[in-house]
Amino acid sequence: MLVESNKSLVGYMRDRATSPLLGAFVLSWIAWNYKFILAILVYMPLEAKFQFIEQTLYPSIWVSLLRLFLGPLVTALAFLFIYPYPAAKVFEFWRTKQKELRDIRLRIEDEALLTLDESKRIRRQVVEIQSDYEKQIRNKENEIENLKQSLSDEQDRIEKLNEDLANASSPKFTAEAGVKAASDVVIKEAILKQPYKLVFNPKKGKPGQKLMLFGSDGKILEGDNNNESSWAIKNGKLELIQSDGEVHSRFNFDTNTKVFTHTNDSDTKSIKGQYLTPEPGAT
């Protein structure tokens, strides 16, 4: 409680100390009573000080009231309520004249004419800047054309590689290459014997690969998801079945290389060009 009272008192004194009326009154009081202050500060006998203050500075109660209170109060009020009006007019006049002087200076600077040499120099700089800009534009256009051509060449190369991969995995290509068709028993024995690496997106490289481990009765022990949920063998081909029962991908089996290549049939849901390669060292 005492701390809160002290804080309130300090706040009250701070507000009073920063009051414009109090500040004006103090300055006005000093102006009215500067002789009293000098009498206090100068060296002279104490009795002489009292006699000077009582008989010379404040000879009567009315003079004391006038100099100590009424005079400083009237002067402070006049300073607060009357002085701002002429001060505002003077400040407005001063700012107006400053603005007029600035406008005159800017008008004179704008009307100043360039010399012939300055005009030629500026025109030459403009021509050089424009020529450099046009040169940069031409260089950028050539770079864009070169990049477009490179991109077109890369797209053609990718399309050709995809076409070659599709042809290589097609049944016709397999037959022409002399790949021996495998029976269902041989396929089953191969996938149950060792793990395989499924390249489900050949364009992505390693991120488009995963390890597959096949179990009996159509189970996938590792690498299963909604797309490769189970497996089956039909008509000499390995099929990976989705969780909804649809065929996701279908593969031919090469008995020589032990590699499964996608048939790219239109009824499959997977990305074309997939293949499975044996991974005997995988754990």
Protein backbone atom coordinates (compact mmCIF):
# COMPACT_ATOMS: atom_id res chain seq x y z
CA MET A 1 0.00 0.00 0.00
CA LEU A 2 2.87 2.37 0.89
CA VAL A 3 4.59 1.60 -2.42
CA GLU A 4 1.41 2.33 -4.37
CA SER A 5 0.97 5.63 -2.47
CA ASN A 6 4.56 6.62 -3.29
CA LYS A 7 4.00 5.80 -6.95
CA SER A 8 0.82 7.89 -7.00
CA LEU A 9 2.64 10.80 -5.35
CA VAL A 10 5.53 10.57 -7.81
CA GLY A 11 3.10 10.47 -10.74
CA TYR A 12 1.21 13.47 -9.36
CA MET A 13 4.42 15.48 -8.93
CA ARG A 14 5.59 14.50 -12.44
CA ASP A 15 2.33 15.68 -13.99
CA ARG A 16 2.53 18.98 -12.14
CA ALA A 17 6.19 19.46 -13.07
CA THR A 18 5.40 19.04 -16.76
CA SER A 19 2.34 21.33 -16.67
CA PRO A 20 2.72 24.28 -19.09
CA LEU A 21 0.99 26.61 -16.60
CA LEU A 22 3.43 25.75 -13.83
CA GLY A 23 6.44 26.24 -16.10
CA ALA A 24 5.16 29.57 -17.37
CA PHE A 25 4.33 30.71 -13.82
CA VAL A 26 7.80 29.82 -12.53
CA LEU A 27 9.53 31.74 -15.34
CA SER A 28 7.20 34.69 -14.84
CA TRP A 29 7.78 34.64 -11.05
CA ILE A 30 11.55 34.71 -11.60
CA ALA A 31 11.18 37.69 -13.95
CA TRP A 32 9.06 39.58 -11.40
CA ASN A 33 11.27 38.76 -8.42
CA TYR A 34 14.80 38.59 -9.83
CA LYS A 35 15.92 41.25 -7.33
CA PHE A 36 14.79 39.00 -4.48
CA ILE A 37 16.87 36.16 -5.89
CA LEU A 38 19.92 38.39 -6.29
CA ALA A 39 19.50 39.67 -2.73
CA ILE A 40 19.51 36.08 -1.48
CA LEU A 41 22.60 35.16 -3.49
CA VAL A 42 24.85 38.22 -2.94
CA TYR A 43 27.04 38.51 0.13
CA MET A 44 25.76 41.04 2.64
CA PRO A 45 24.79 40.99 6.34
CA LEU A 46 21.64 39.07 7.11
CA GLU A 47 19.95 42.02 8.78
CA ALA A 48 20.69 44.20 5.76
CA LYS A 49 19.14 41.53 3.48
CA PHE A 50 15.94 41.41 5.55
CA GLN A 51 15.75 45.21 5.67
CA PHE A 52 16.24 45.48 1.88
CA ILE A 53 13.59 42.81 1.18
CA GLU A 54 11.01 44.19 3.62
CA GLN A 55 11.47 47.93 3.02
CA THR A 56 12.55 48.11 -0.62
CA LEU A 57 11.22 45.04 -2.48
CA TYR A 58 8.02 44.32 -0.58
CA PRO A 59 7.17 47.44 1.44
CA SER A 60 3.44 46.56 1.75
CA ILE A 61 1.06 43.60 1.57
CA TRP A 62 -0.34 44.76 -1.78
CA VAL A 63 3.08 45.10 -3.36
CA SER A 64 4.02 41.64 -2.03
CA LEU A 65 0.76 40.15 -3.39
CA LEU A 66 1.32 41.81 -6.75
CA ARG A 67 4.96 40.74 -7.19
CA LEU A 68 4.74 37.30 -5.61
CA PHE A 69 1.45 36.04 -7.07
CA LEU A 70 -0.81 38.31 -9.15
CA GLY A 71 1.86 39.69 -11.44
CA PRO A 72 3.48 36.30 -12.27
CA LEU A 73 0.04 34.68 -12.72
CA VAL A 74 -1.21 37.36 -15.15
CA THR A 75 2.05 37.23 -17.10
CA ALA A 76 1.93 33.41 -17.31
CA LEU A 77 -1.70 33.43 -18.50
CA ALA A 78 -0.90 36.07 -21.10
CA PHE A 79 2.02 33.99 -22.33
CA LEU A 80 -0.16 30.87 -22.61
CA PHE A 81 -3.32 32.39 -24.11
CA ILE A 82 -2.20 35.50 -26.03
CA TYR A 83 1.36 34.76 -27.21
CA PRO A 84 0.42 31.70 -29.42
CA TYR A 85 -1.70 33.86 -31.77
CA PRO A 86 1.00 36.27 -32.94
CA ALA A 87 3.54 33.42 -32.84
CA ALA A 88 1.35 31.34 -35.19
CA LYS A 89 0.98 34.28 -37.59
CA VAL A 90 4.72 34.89 -37.62
CA PHE A 91 5.44 31.20 -38.18
CA GLU A 92 2.90 31.00 -41.02
CA PHE A 93 4.43 34.08 -42.67
CA TRP A 94 7.94 32.64 -42.33
CA ARG A 95 6.93 29.26 -43.83
CA THR A 96 5.11 30.98 -46.72
CA LYS A 97 8.19 33.01 -47.58
CA GLN A 98 10.38 29.91 -47.39
CA LYS A 99 8.07 28.13 -49.84
CA GLU A 100 8.11 31.09 -52.23
CA LEU A 101 11.92 31.17 -52.15
CA ARG A 102 12.07 27.40 -52.85
CA ASP A 103 9.64 27.71 -55.78
CA ILE A 104 11.67 30.58 -57.25
CA ARG A 105 14.90 28.57 -56.96
CA LEU A 106 13.35 25.49 -58.65
CA ARG A 107 11.87 27.61 -61.45
CA ILE A 108 15.23 29.22 -62.13
CA GLU A 109 16.95 25.82 -62.16
CA ASP A 110 14.34 24.41 -64.58
CA GLU A 111 14.65 27.39 -66.91
CA ALA A 112 18.44 27.13 -67.08
CA LEU A 113 19.43 26.18 -70.64
CA LEU A 114 22.03 23.56 -71.45
CA THR A 115 25.08 24.53 -73.41
CA LEU A 116 25.70 23.04 -76.87
CA ASP A 117 28.46 20.77 -75.57
CA GLU A 118 26.25 19.53 -72.75
CA SER A 119 23.43 18.77 -75.18
CA LYS A 120 25.76 16.81 -77.47
CA ARG A 121 27.20 14.88 -74.55
CA ILE A 122 23.76 13.93 -73.24
CA ARG A 123 22.55 12.94 -76.71
CA ARG A 124 25.68 10.78 -77.20
CA GLN A 125 25.09 9.06 -73.83
CA VAL A 126 21.47 8.35 -74.77
CA VAL A 127 22.54 6.80 -78.08
CA GLU A 128 25.17 4.64 -76.35
CA ILE A 129 22.70 3.43 -73.73
CA GLN A 130 20.09 2.61 -76.38
CA SER A 131 22.66 0.75 -78.51
CA ASP A 132 23.87 -1.26 -75.50
CA TYR A 133 20.27 -2.09 -74.56
CA GLU A 134 19.46 -3.32 -78.08
CA LYS A 135 22.63 -5.42 -78.10
CA GLN A 136 21.67 -7.07 -74.81
CA ILE A 137 18.17 -7.76 -76.17
CA ARG A 138 19.62 -9.47 -79.26
CA ASN A 139 21.97 -11.58 -77.12
CA LYS A 140 19.12 -12.68 -74.89
CA GLU A 141 16.97 -13.55 -77.89
CA ASN A 142 19.79 -15.69 -79.32
CA GLU A 143 20.21 -17.45 -75.96
CA ILE A 144 16.47 -18.15 -75.83
CA GLU A 145 16.50 -19.60 -79.34
CA ASN A 146 19.48 -21.81 -78.48
CA LEU A 147 17.77 -23.04 -75.32
CA LYS A 148 14.57 -23.76 -77.26
CA GLN A 149 16.53 -25.77 -79.83
CA SER A 150 18.37 -27.70 -77.09
CA LEU A 151 15.09 -28.42 -75.34
CA SER A 152 13.51 -29.61 -78.57
CA ASP A 153 16.49 -31.90 -79.26
CA GLU A 154 16.31 -33.35 -75.73
CA GLN A 155 12.56 -33.96 -76.08
CA ASP A 156 13.12 -35.76 -79.39
CA ARG A 157 15.84 -37.88 -77.81
CA ILE A 158 13.62 -38.77 -74.83
CA GLU A 159 10.74 -39.69 -77.12
CA LYS A 160 13.04 -41.92 -79.19
CA LEU A 161 14.39 -43.62 -76.05
CA ASN A 162 10.86 -44.22 -74.78
CA GLU A 163 9.89 -45.63 -78.16
CA ASP A 164 12.93 -47.92 -78.19
CA LEU A 165 12.15 -49.04 -74.64
CA ALA A 166 8.52 -49.74 -75.53
CA ASN A 167 9.57 -51.69 -78.60
CA ALA A 168 12.16 -53.61 -76.59
CA SER A 169 9.52 -54.67 -74.04
CA SER A 170 6.84 -55.55 -76.61
CA PRO A 171 6.01 -59.23 -77.32
CA LYS A 172 7.03 -58.79 -80.97
CA PHE A 173 10.48 -57.58 -80.00
CA THR A 174 10.82 -60.40 -77.49
CA ALA A 175 9.96 -62.96 -80.12
CA GLU A 176 12.34 -61.42 -82.66
CA ALA A 177 15.13 -61.45 -80.08
CA GLY A 178 14.64 -65.14 -79.54
CA VAL A 179 13.45 -64.85 -75.94
CA LYS A 180 12.04 -68.11 -74.77
CA ALA A 181 8.51 -67.86 -73.36
CA ALA A 182 8.31 -69.05 -69.77
CA SER A 183 5.65 -71.28 -68.25
CA ASP A 184 3.64 -70.35 -65.15
CA VAL A 185 5.66 -72.81 -63.07
CA VAL A 186 8.99 -71.32 -64.17
CA ILE A 187 7.76 -67.76 -63.40
CA LYS A 188 6.51 -68.76 -59.97
CA GLU A 189 9.75 -70.51 -59.14
CA ALA A 190 11.75 -67.44 -60.24
CA ILE A 191 9.87 -64.83 -58.17
CA LEU A 192 9.78 -66.99 -55.04
CA LYS A 193 13.48 -67.80 -55.27
CA GLN A 194 14.92 -64.27 -54.76
CA PRO A 195 14.02 -60.56 -54.33
CA TYR A 196 13.48 -58.33 -57.36
CA LYS A 197 13.95 -54.63 -57.99
CA LEU A 198 10.86 -53.01 -59.53
CA VAL A 199 11.58 -49.97 -61.69
CA PHE A 200 8.07 -48.51 -61.62
CA ASN A 201 9.07 -45.12 -63.16
CA PRO A 202 12.10 -45.40 -65.48
CA LYS A 203 12.26 -41.60 -65.95
CA LYS A 204 12.92 -40.88 -62.26
CA GLY A 205 16.00 -43.06 -61.84
CA LYS A 206 16.62 -44.33 -58.30
CA PRO A 207 13.57 -42.58 -56.74
CA GLY A 208 11.44 -44.54 -59.20
CA GLN A 209 12.64 -47.94 -57.93
CA LYS A 210 11.83 -50.20 -54.99
CA LEU A 211 12.63 -53.69 -53.70
CA MET A 212 9.97 -56.39 -54.13
CA LEU A 213 9.82 -59.64 -52.16
CA PHE A 214 7.16 -62.12 -53.29
CA GLY A 215 5.56 -64.64 -50.97
CA SER A 216 3.38 -67.67 -51.61
CA ASP A 217 -0.35 -67.50 -52.37
CA GLY A 218 -0.08 -64.14 -54.12
CA LYS A 219 1.30 -62.23 -51.11
CA ILE A 220 3.85 -59.42 -51.42
CA LEU A 221 6.09 -59.45 -48.38
CA GLU A 222 7.96 -56.23 -49.16
CA GLY A 223 7.21 -53.32 -51.49
CA ASP A 224 3.43 -53.69 -51.36
CA ASN A 225 1.06 -50.70 -51.58
CA ASN A 226 -2.30 -49.90 -53.17
CA ASN A 227 -0.85 -50.36 -56.67
CA GLU A 228 1.12 -53.55 -55.97
CA SER A 229 -1.08 -55.23 -53.36
CA SER A 230 -0.77 -58.86 -54.56
CA TRP A 231 0.53 -60.94 -57.51
CA ALA A 232 -0.77 -63.59 -59.88
CA ILE A 233 0.48 -65.58 -62.91
CA LYS A 234 -1.81 -65.97 -65.92
CA ASN A 235 -1.00 -67.27 -69.40
CA GLY A 236 2.76 -67.14 -68.88
CA LYS A 237 2.73 -63.55 -67.57
CA LEU A 238 3.25 -62.04 -64.11
CA GLU A 239 0.51 -59.65 -63.01
CA LEU A 240 0.69 -57.17 -60.11
CA ILE A 241 -2.80 -56.60 -58.72
CA GLN A 242 -4.11 -53.40 -57.11
CA SER A 243 -5.89 -53.39 -53.76
CA ASP A 244 -9.22 -52.98 -55.61
CA GLY A 245 -8.59 -56.15 -57.67
CA GLU A 246 -7.69 -54.40 -60.95
CA VAL A 247 -4.55 -55.40 -62.88
CA HIS A 248 -2.00 -52.66 -62.30
CA SER A 249 0.89 -54.05 -64.41
CA ARG A 250 1.69 -57.16 -66.49
CA PHE A 251 5.15 -58.55 -67.31
CA ASN A 252 6.81 -60.99 -69.70
CA PHE A 253 9.61 -63.15 -68.27
CA ASP A 254 12.93 -63.69 -70.03
CA THR A 255 14.27 -67.09 -68.95
CA ASN A 256 17.79 -66.15 -70.09
CA THR A 257 18.24 -62.84 -68.24
CA LYS A 258 15.65 -63.51 -65.51
CA VAL A 259 14.22 -60.02 -66.22
CA PHE A 260 10.52 -59.18 -66.29
CA THR A 261 9.55 -56.52 -68.90
CA HIS A 262 6.23 -54.69 -69.01
CA THR A 263 3.83 -55.83 -71.74
CA ASN A 264 2.54 -52.25 -72.13
CA ASP A 265 -0.98 -53.61 -72.54
CA SER A 266 -3.68 -50.96 -72.76
CA ASP A 267 -5.73 -52.48 -69.91
CA THR A 268 -2.92 -52.02 -67.35
CA LYS A 269 -2.99 -48.98 -65.04
CA SER A 270 0.74 -48.56 -64.43
CA ILE A 271 3.37 -46.47 -66.21
CA LYS A 272 4.53 -48.14 -69.41
CA GLY A 273 8.12 -49.34 -69.69
CA GLN A 274 8.37 -50.86 -66.18
CA TYR A 275 10.62 -53.86 -65.52
CA LEU A 276 11.82 -56.15 -62.71
CA THR A 277 15.43 -57.27 -62.32
CA PRO A 278 16.73 -59.89 -59.86
CA GLU A 279 18.42 -58.64 -56.70
CA PRO A 280 20.00 -61.76 -55.17
CA GLY A 281 22.20 -59.76 -52.78
CA ALA A 282 19.30 -57.78 -51.24
CA THR A 283 18.34 -58.54 -47.62
